Amino acid sequence: MRHVLTLFELTAAEIQRVFEVTEELKTQWKQGQRQPLLAGRVMGLLFEKPSLRTRVSFETGMAQLGGSSLFLGEDVGWGTREALSDFSRVLSQYVDVLVCRAKAHRTVESLAEHATCPVINGLTDLAHPCQALADLYTMREIHGELAGQKLAYIGDANNVASSLLLGCARLGVQFAIASPPGYDFDPQFVAQVKQEHPQMEFLETRDPIEAVRDASAVYTDVWVSMGQEAQRDERVQAFADYQVNQDLMQQAAPNACFLHCLPARRGEEVTDQVLDGPQSAVVQQAGNRMHAQKGLLAWLLGAAS
């Protein structure tokens, strides 16, 4: 039995296989075909944090694969009214896969430790593997072969950035990040990635222009994430010089795409001109959350040929 809590759980070959399944399923979806690969299977969704894209993309994707979904919010008392270990063991008797969106990464680790069905991380403070899979799949659709491409990330080295760094290292994509002081990657995390991928091409800089130079994709995220509202003034000031605008996009490769995991705060981390411009792939990227997660579910549950 496999879990996907971070991309450390997937090899490069497995990620590529998930992408192949994703491509097959998306092609069929475009043709109006639905493959009931997961007919009779049930997915449990455990969410501590509000969600639009993660919840809807998983539920819709599971329905398109012929399965069903069961949403459980904090009101059921998981981890409070009942020990998380007991909750996980019992819920595993009812569902075939669990998707958890939690505040703390330890929560999904505990679920996986005690579950008897696969657990997928739908977002935690440390990692967002499903987002990274959709992002890299989007780059693959736009640019073709990923190896040798370059992704530039502008902003906080957060959970999304961490998953992207690891995914890029796995697939041979150059990764550059520009962040202000105090918002860098955890050095231990970088060391762990480098230990597995000593040949990875990785740049950390304070200069957004240096980061985006010749990039195939330019990526950013909000300056103030959910739960960081008390730090808003401090963070907005720190990231004031890290906006993705048309001038910055012109420093990237001519065919570069713009990516954002959404929701975006227009006029802060990105301008309307970029977000709505011809290089923006954010709608395609958001749609690929569903397609990549369908590929992951089909592969993880052994339903992909």
Protein backbone atom coordinates (compact mmCIF):
# COMPACT_ATOMS: atom_id res chain seq x y z
CA MET A 1 0.00 0.00 0.00
CA ARG A 2 1.30 3.43 -0.97
CA HIS A 3 0.75 6.91 0.44
CA VAL A 4 1.49 10.25 -1.25
CA LEU A 5 2.28 12.71 1.52
CA THR A 6 5.11 14.42 -0.38
CA LEU A 7 6.78 13.79 -3.72
CA PHE A 8 9.51 11.94 -1.83
CA GLU A 9 7.10 8.98 -2.00
CA LEU A 10 7.17 8.96 -5.82
CA THR A 11 10.10 8.14 -8.08
CA ALA A 12 10.70 10.01 -11.33
CA ALA A 13 9.43 6.99 -13.27
CA GLU A 14 6.26 6.88 -11.17
CA ILE A 15 5.59 10.59 -11.70
CA GLN A 16 6.04 10.09 -15.42
CA ARG A 17 3.62 7.16 -15.30
CA VAL A 18 1.05 9.30 -13.47
CA PHE A 19 1.48 11.90 -16.23
CA GLU A 20 0.94 9.26 -18.92
CA VAL A 21 -2.29 8.13 -17.23
CA THR A 22 -3.31 11.77 -16.82
CA GLU A 23 -2.76 12.41 -20.52
CA GLU A 24 -4.80 9.35 -21.50
CA LEU A 25 -7.69 10.30 -19.24
CA LYS A 26 -7.65 13.96 -20.27
CA THR A 27 -7.69 13.03 -23.96
CA GLN A 28 -10.72 10.81 -23.33
CA TRP A 29 -12.36 13.60 -21.30
CA LYS A 30 -11.93 16.04 -24.20
CA GLN A 31 -13.65 13.50 -26.45
CA GLY A 32 -16.57 13.25 -24.04
CA GLN A 33 -15.58 9.79 -22.85
CA ARG A 34 -15.64 8.74 -19.21
CA GLN A 35 -13.74 5.67 -18.04
CA PRO A 36 -15.31 4.12 -14.89
CA LEU A 37 -11.93 2.91 -13.67
CA LEU A 38 -12.88 3.44 -10.03
CA ALA A 39 -16.49 2.26 -10.12
CA GLY A 40 -17.57 1.17 -6.66
CA ARG A 41 -14.62 2.90 -4.96
CA VAL A 42 -15.15 5.55 -2.29
CA MET A 43 -12.85 8.48 -1.53
CA GLY A 44 -12.91 10.13 1.89
CA LEU A 45 -12.06 13.84 2.03
CA LEU A 46 -10.83 15.18 5.38
CA PHE A 47 -10.47 18.97 5.36
CA GLU A 48 -9.34 21.20 8.22
CA LYS A 49 -8.95 24.22 5.92
CA PRO A 50 -11.35 25.81 3.40
CA SER A 51 -10.85 24.82 -0.22
CA LEU A 52 -12.21 25.45 -3.69
CA ARG A 53 -9.88 23.85 -6.23
CA THR A 54 -8.72 20.90 -4.12
CA ARG A 55 -12.16 19.77 -3.00
CA VAL A 56 -14.01 20.33 -6.27
CA SER A 57 -11.24 18.88 -8.45
CA PHE A 58 -10.99 15.72 -6.35
CA GLU A 59 -14.76 15.19 -6.07
CA THR A 60 -15.39 15.86 -9.76
CA GLY A 61 -12.45 13.73 -10.83
CA MET A 62 -13.58 10.81 -8.67
CA ALA A 63 -17.11 11.07 -10.10
CA GLN A 64 -15.74 11.04 -13.65
CA LEU A 65 -13.86 7.84 -12.81
CA GLY A 66 -17.09 6.23 -11.63
CA GLY A 67 -16.38 6.46 -7.91
CA SER A 68 -17.99 8.43 -5.11
CA SER A 69 -16.80 10.86 -2.44
CA LEU A 70 -17.53 11.45 1.23
CA PHE A 71 -16.63 14.89 2.64
CA LEU A 72 -15.78 15.17 6.33
CA GLY A 73 -15.03 18.55 7.87
CA GLU A 74 -13.81 19.44 11.35
CA ASP A 75 -17.35 19.02 12.71
CA VAL A 76 -16.93 15.23 12.90
CA GLY A 77 -14.32 15.74 15.60
CA TRP A 78 -11.38 13.91 14.06
CA GLY A 79 -8.38 14.38 16.30
CA THR A 80 -10.48 16.00 19.06
CA ARG A 81 -13.56 13.91 19.90
CA GLU A 82 -11.67 10.78 18.91
CA ALA A 83 -7.97 9.97 18.70
CA LEU A 84 -6.69 10.40 15.17
CA SER A 85 -5.23 6.89 15.23
CA ASP A 86 -8.65 5.36 16.01
CA PHE A 87 -10.38 7.62 13.51
CA SER A 88 -7.95 6.60 10.77
CA ARG A 89 -8.27 2.87 11.45
CA VAL A 90 -12.07 3.00 11.47
CA LEU A 91 -12.49 5.26 8.45
CA SER A 92 -10.19 2.97 6.47
CA GLN A 93 -12.88 0.29 6.83
CA TYR A 94 -15.34 2.46 4.90
CA VAL A 95 -13.32 4.12 2.14
CA ASP A 96 -10.72 3.08 -0.43
CA VAL A 97 -8.56 6.21 -0.29
CA LEU A 98 -8.26 9.23 2.02
CA VAL A 99 -7.42 12.78 0.92
CA CYS A 100 -6.48 15.06 3.80
CA ARG A 101 -6.10 18.86 3.78
CA ALA A 102 -4.61 19.68 7.17
CA LYS A 103 -3.04 22.57 9.01
CA ALA A 104 -0.09 20.51 10.26
CA HIS A 105 1.83 17.95 8.22
CA ARG A 106 1.98 15.69 11.25
CA THR A 107 -1.77 15.16 10.87
CA VAL A 108 -1.47 13.46 7.48
CA GLU A 109 1.54 11.50 8.71
CA SER A 110 -0.53 10.19 11.62
CA LEU A 111 -3.42 9.29 9.33
CA ALA A 112 -1.08 7.39 7.03
CA GLU A 113 0.63 5.66 9.95
CA HIS A 114 -2.64 4.10 11.09
CA ALA A 115 -4.69 3.86 7.88
CA THR A 116 -5.17 0.63 5.99
CA CYS A 117 -5.93 2.47 2.74
CA PRO A 118 -3.80 4.96 0.76
CA VAL A 119 -3.60 8.53 2.09
CA ILE A 120 -3.04 11.53 -0.20
CA ASN A 121 -1.90 14.91 1.06
CA GLY A 122 -4.34 17.54 -0.23
CA LEU A 123 -2.24 20.34 1.35
CA THR A 124 -0.35 20.83 4.59
CA ASP A 125 1.96 23.49 5.95
CA LEU A 126 4.97 21.59 4.55
CA ALA A 127 3.87 20.21 1.20
CA HIS A 128 1.30 20.37 -1.59
CA PRO A 129 2.23 17.43 -3.86
CA CYS A 130 -1.02 17.41 -5.86
CA GLN A 131 -0.51 21.05 -6.81
CA ALA A 132 3.06 20.36 -7.92
CA LEU A 133 1.95 17.40 -10.05
CA ALA A 134 -0.63 19.58 -11.81
CA ASP A 135 1.91 22.39 -12.28
CA LEU A 136 4.58 20.17 -13.80
CA TYR A 137 2.01 18.40 -15.97
CA THR A 138 0.94 21.83 -17.25
CA MET A 139 4.55 22.66 -18.14
CA ARG A 140 4.75 19.31 -19.93
CA GLU A 141 1.64 20.11 -21.97
CA ILE A 142 2.98 23.52 -22.97
CA HIS A 143 6.67 22.80 -23.51
CA GLY A 144 6.88 19.04 -24.07
CA GLU A 145 9.74 17.11 -22.50
CA LEU A 146 10.38 18.52 -19.01
CA ALA A 147 14.06 17.64 -18.64
CA GLY A 148 16.14 20.73 -19.34
CA GLN A 149 13.28 23.20 -18.82
CA LYS A 150 13.54 25.90 -16.15
CA LEU A 151 10.96 26.95 -13.58
CA ALA A 152 11.43 30.26 -11.75
CA TYR A 153 9.53 30.79 -8.51
CA ILE A 154 9.11 34.33 -7.19
CA GLY A 155 8.12 34.65 -3.54
CA ASP A 156 7.95 32.78 -0.27
CA ALA A 157 9.61 29.35 -0.14
CA ASN A 158 6.36 27.85 1.12
CA ASN A 159 4.69 24.44 0.84
CA VAL A 160 3.98 24.85 -2.88
CA ALA A 161 7.54 25.98 -3.62
CA SER A 162 8.93 23.05 -1.63
CA SER A 163 6.89 20.53 -3.59
CA LEU A 164 7.88 22.18 -6.86
CA LEU A 165 11.58 22.12 -5.95
CA LEU A 166 11.40 18.39 -5.26
CA GLY A 167 9.30 17.68 -8.35
CA CYS A 168 11.72 19.62 -10.54
CA ALA A 169 14.68 17.76 -9.05
CA ARG A 170 12.95 14.45 -9.74
CA LEU A 171 12.27 15.30 -13.39
CA GLY A 172 15.43 17.15 -14.36
CA VAL A 173 13.89 20.63 -14.41
CA GLN A 174 16.08 23.56 -13.39
CA PHE A 175 14.62 25.41 -10.39
CA ALA A 176 15.35 29.01 -9.39
CA ILE A 177 13.73 30.94 -6.55
CA ALA A 178 13.90 34.62 -5.65
CA SER A 179 12.83 35.44 -2.10
CA PRO A 180 13.50 38.27 0.36
CA PRO A 181 15.60 37.57 3.48
CA GLY A 182 13.76 35.47 6.04
CA TYR A 183 11.59 33.65 3.53
CA ASP A 184 14.04 31.04 2.25
CA PHE A 185 13.80 27.25 2.13
CA ASP A 186 14.67 25.26 5.22
CA PRO A 187 18.34 24.33 4.63
CA GLN A 188 17.67 20.79 5.91
CA PHE A 189 14.98 20.30 3.28
CA VAL A 190 17.27 21.54 0.50
CA ALA A 191 20.05 19.27 1.76
CA GLN A 192 17.66 16.29 1.69
CA VAL A 193 16.65 17.05 -1.91
CA LYS A 194 20.28 17.52 -2.96
CA GLN A 195 21.26 14.26 -1.29
CA GLU A 196 18.81 12.41 -3.54
CA HIS A 197 19.58 14.58 -6.58
CA PRO A 198 23.22 15.73 -6.39
CA GLN A 199 23.15 16.84 -10.04
CA MET A 200 20.08 19.07 -9.66
CA GLU A 201 20.33 22.61 -11.04
CA PHE A 202 19.13 24.92 -8.26
CA LEU A 203 19.49 28.66 -7.70
CA GLU A 204 18.50 30.72 -4.66
CA THR A 205 18.74 34.48 -5.12
CA ARG A 206 17.36 37.78 -3.87
CA ASP A 207 17.05 39.05 -7.44
CA PRO A 208 13.84 38.19 -9.34
CA ILE A 209 15.45 39.12 -12.67
CA GLU A 210 18.28 36.66 -12.08
CA ALA A 211 15.77 33.95 -11.16
CA VAL A 212 13.55 34.32 -14.23
CA ARG A 213 16.32 34.66 -16.80
CA ASP A 214 15.63 32.12 -19.60
CA ALA A 215 12.87 30.46 -17.56
CA SER A 216 10.28 28.31 -19.34
CA ALA A 217 7.76 29.02 -16.58
CA VAL A 218 7.44 31.85 -14.06
CA TYR A 219 5.49 30.98 -10.92
CA THR A 220 4.27 32.96 -7.94
CA ASP A 221 1.88 32.62 -5.01
CA VAL A 222 0.15 35.01 -2.62
CA TRP A 223 2.31 37.00 -0.23
CA VAL A 224 -0.08 36.34 2.66
CA SER A 225 -1.37 32.78 2.90
CA MET A 226 -4.32 31.50 4.91
CA GLY A 227 -3.51 31.78 8.62
CA GLN A 228 -0.88 34.52 8.11
CA GLU A 229 -3.28 37.47 8.21
CA ALA A 230 -1.66 38.91 11.35
CA GLN A 231 1.62 39.21 9.41
CA ARG A 232 0.04 40.97 6.44
CA ASP A 233 1.71 44.39 6.75
CA GLU A 234 5.12 42.85 7.41
CA ARG A 235 4.87 40.42 4.50
CA VAL A 236 3.53 42.95 1.99
CA GLN A 237 6.46 45.21 2.78
CA ALA A 238 8.96 42.34 2.51
CA PHE A 239 7.65 41.20 -0.89
CA ALA A 240 7.07 44.63 -2.43
CA ASP A 241 9.93 44.13 -4.92
CA TYR A 242 8.83 40.59 -5.84
CA GLN A 243 5.80 41.28 -8.01
CA VAL A 244 5.48 39.39 -11.29
CA ASN A 245 4.72 42.06 -13.88
CA GLN A 246 5.22 42.45 -17.60
CA ASP A 247 8.73 43.84 -17.19
CA LEU A 248 9.77 40.76 -15.22
CA MET A 249 8.11 38.36 -17.67
CA GLN A 250 10.14 39.92 -20.48
CA GLN A 251 13.31 38.66 -18.77
CA ALA A 252 12.12 35.04 -19.10
CA ALA A 253 12.28 32.93 -22.24
CA PRO A 254 10.11 34.29 -25.09
CA ASN A 255 7.79 31.27 -24.86
CA ALA A 256 7.59 31.31 -21.04
CA CYS A 257 4.26 30.60 -19.41
CA PHE A 258 2.98 32.18 -16.20
CA LEU A 259 1.71 29.90 -13.43
CA HIS A 260 -0.09 30.60 -10.14
CA CYS A 261 -1.74 28.07 -7.83
CA LEU A 262 -4.58 30.54 -7.07
CA PRO A 263 -6.35 32.29 -5.51
CA ALA A 264 -4.41 35.39 -6.55
CA ARG A 265 -4.39 38.86 -5.06
CA ARG A 266 -4.34 41.00 -8.17
CA GLY A 267 -2.02 43.96 -7.91
CA GLU A 268 0.12 42.35 -5.22
CA GLU A 269 2.15 39.30 -6.27
CA VAL A 270 0.99 39.58 -9.90
CA THR A 271 -0.48 42.27 -12.13
CA ASP A 272 -3.72 41.97 -14.08
CA GLN A 273 -1.69 42.36 -17.27
CA VAL A 274 0.24 39.15 -16.57
CA LEU A 275 -2.56 37.15 -14.96
CA ASP A 276 -4.93 37.85 -17.86
CA GLY A 277 -2.24 38.04 -20.54
CA PRO A 278 -1.33 35.68 -23.39
CA GLN A 279 1.46 33.97 -21.41
CA SER A 280 -0.84 33.11 -18.50
CA ALA A 281 -1.65 29.41 -18.18
CA VAL A 282 -3.43 29.64 -14.83
CA VAL A 283 -6.82 28.42 -16.10
CA GLN A 284 -5.23 25.44 -17.86
CA GLN A 285 -3.18 24.83 -14.71
CA ALA A 286 -6.26 24.94 -12.46
CA GLY A 287 -8.08 22.54 -14.77
CA ASN A 288 -5.14 20.19 -14.60
CA ARG A 289 -5.62 19.82 -10.85
CA MET A 290 -8.56 17.57 -11.69
CA HIS A 291 -6.81 15.72 -14.49
CA ALA A 292 -3.55 15.10 -12.61
CA GLN A 293 -5.44 13.93 -9.53
CA LYS A 294 -7.50 11.55 -11.67
CA GLY A 295 -4.23 10.15 -12.98
CA LEU A 296 -2.86 9.85 -9.46
CA LEU A 297 -5.99 8.15 -8.11
CA ALA A 298 -6.17 5.67 -10.99
CA TRP A 299 -2.47 4.82 -10.62
CA LEU A 300 -2.47 4.67 -6.82
CA LEU A 301 -5.53 2.42 -6.67
CA GLY A 302 -4.16 0.08 -9.33
CA ALA A 303 -6.82 0.91 -11.92
CA ALA A 304 -4.51 2.26 -14.63
CA SER A 305 -3.53 -0.18 -17.37
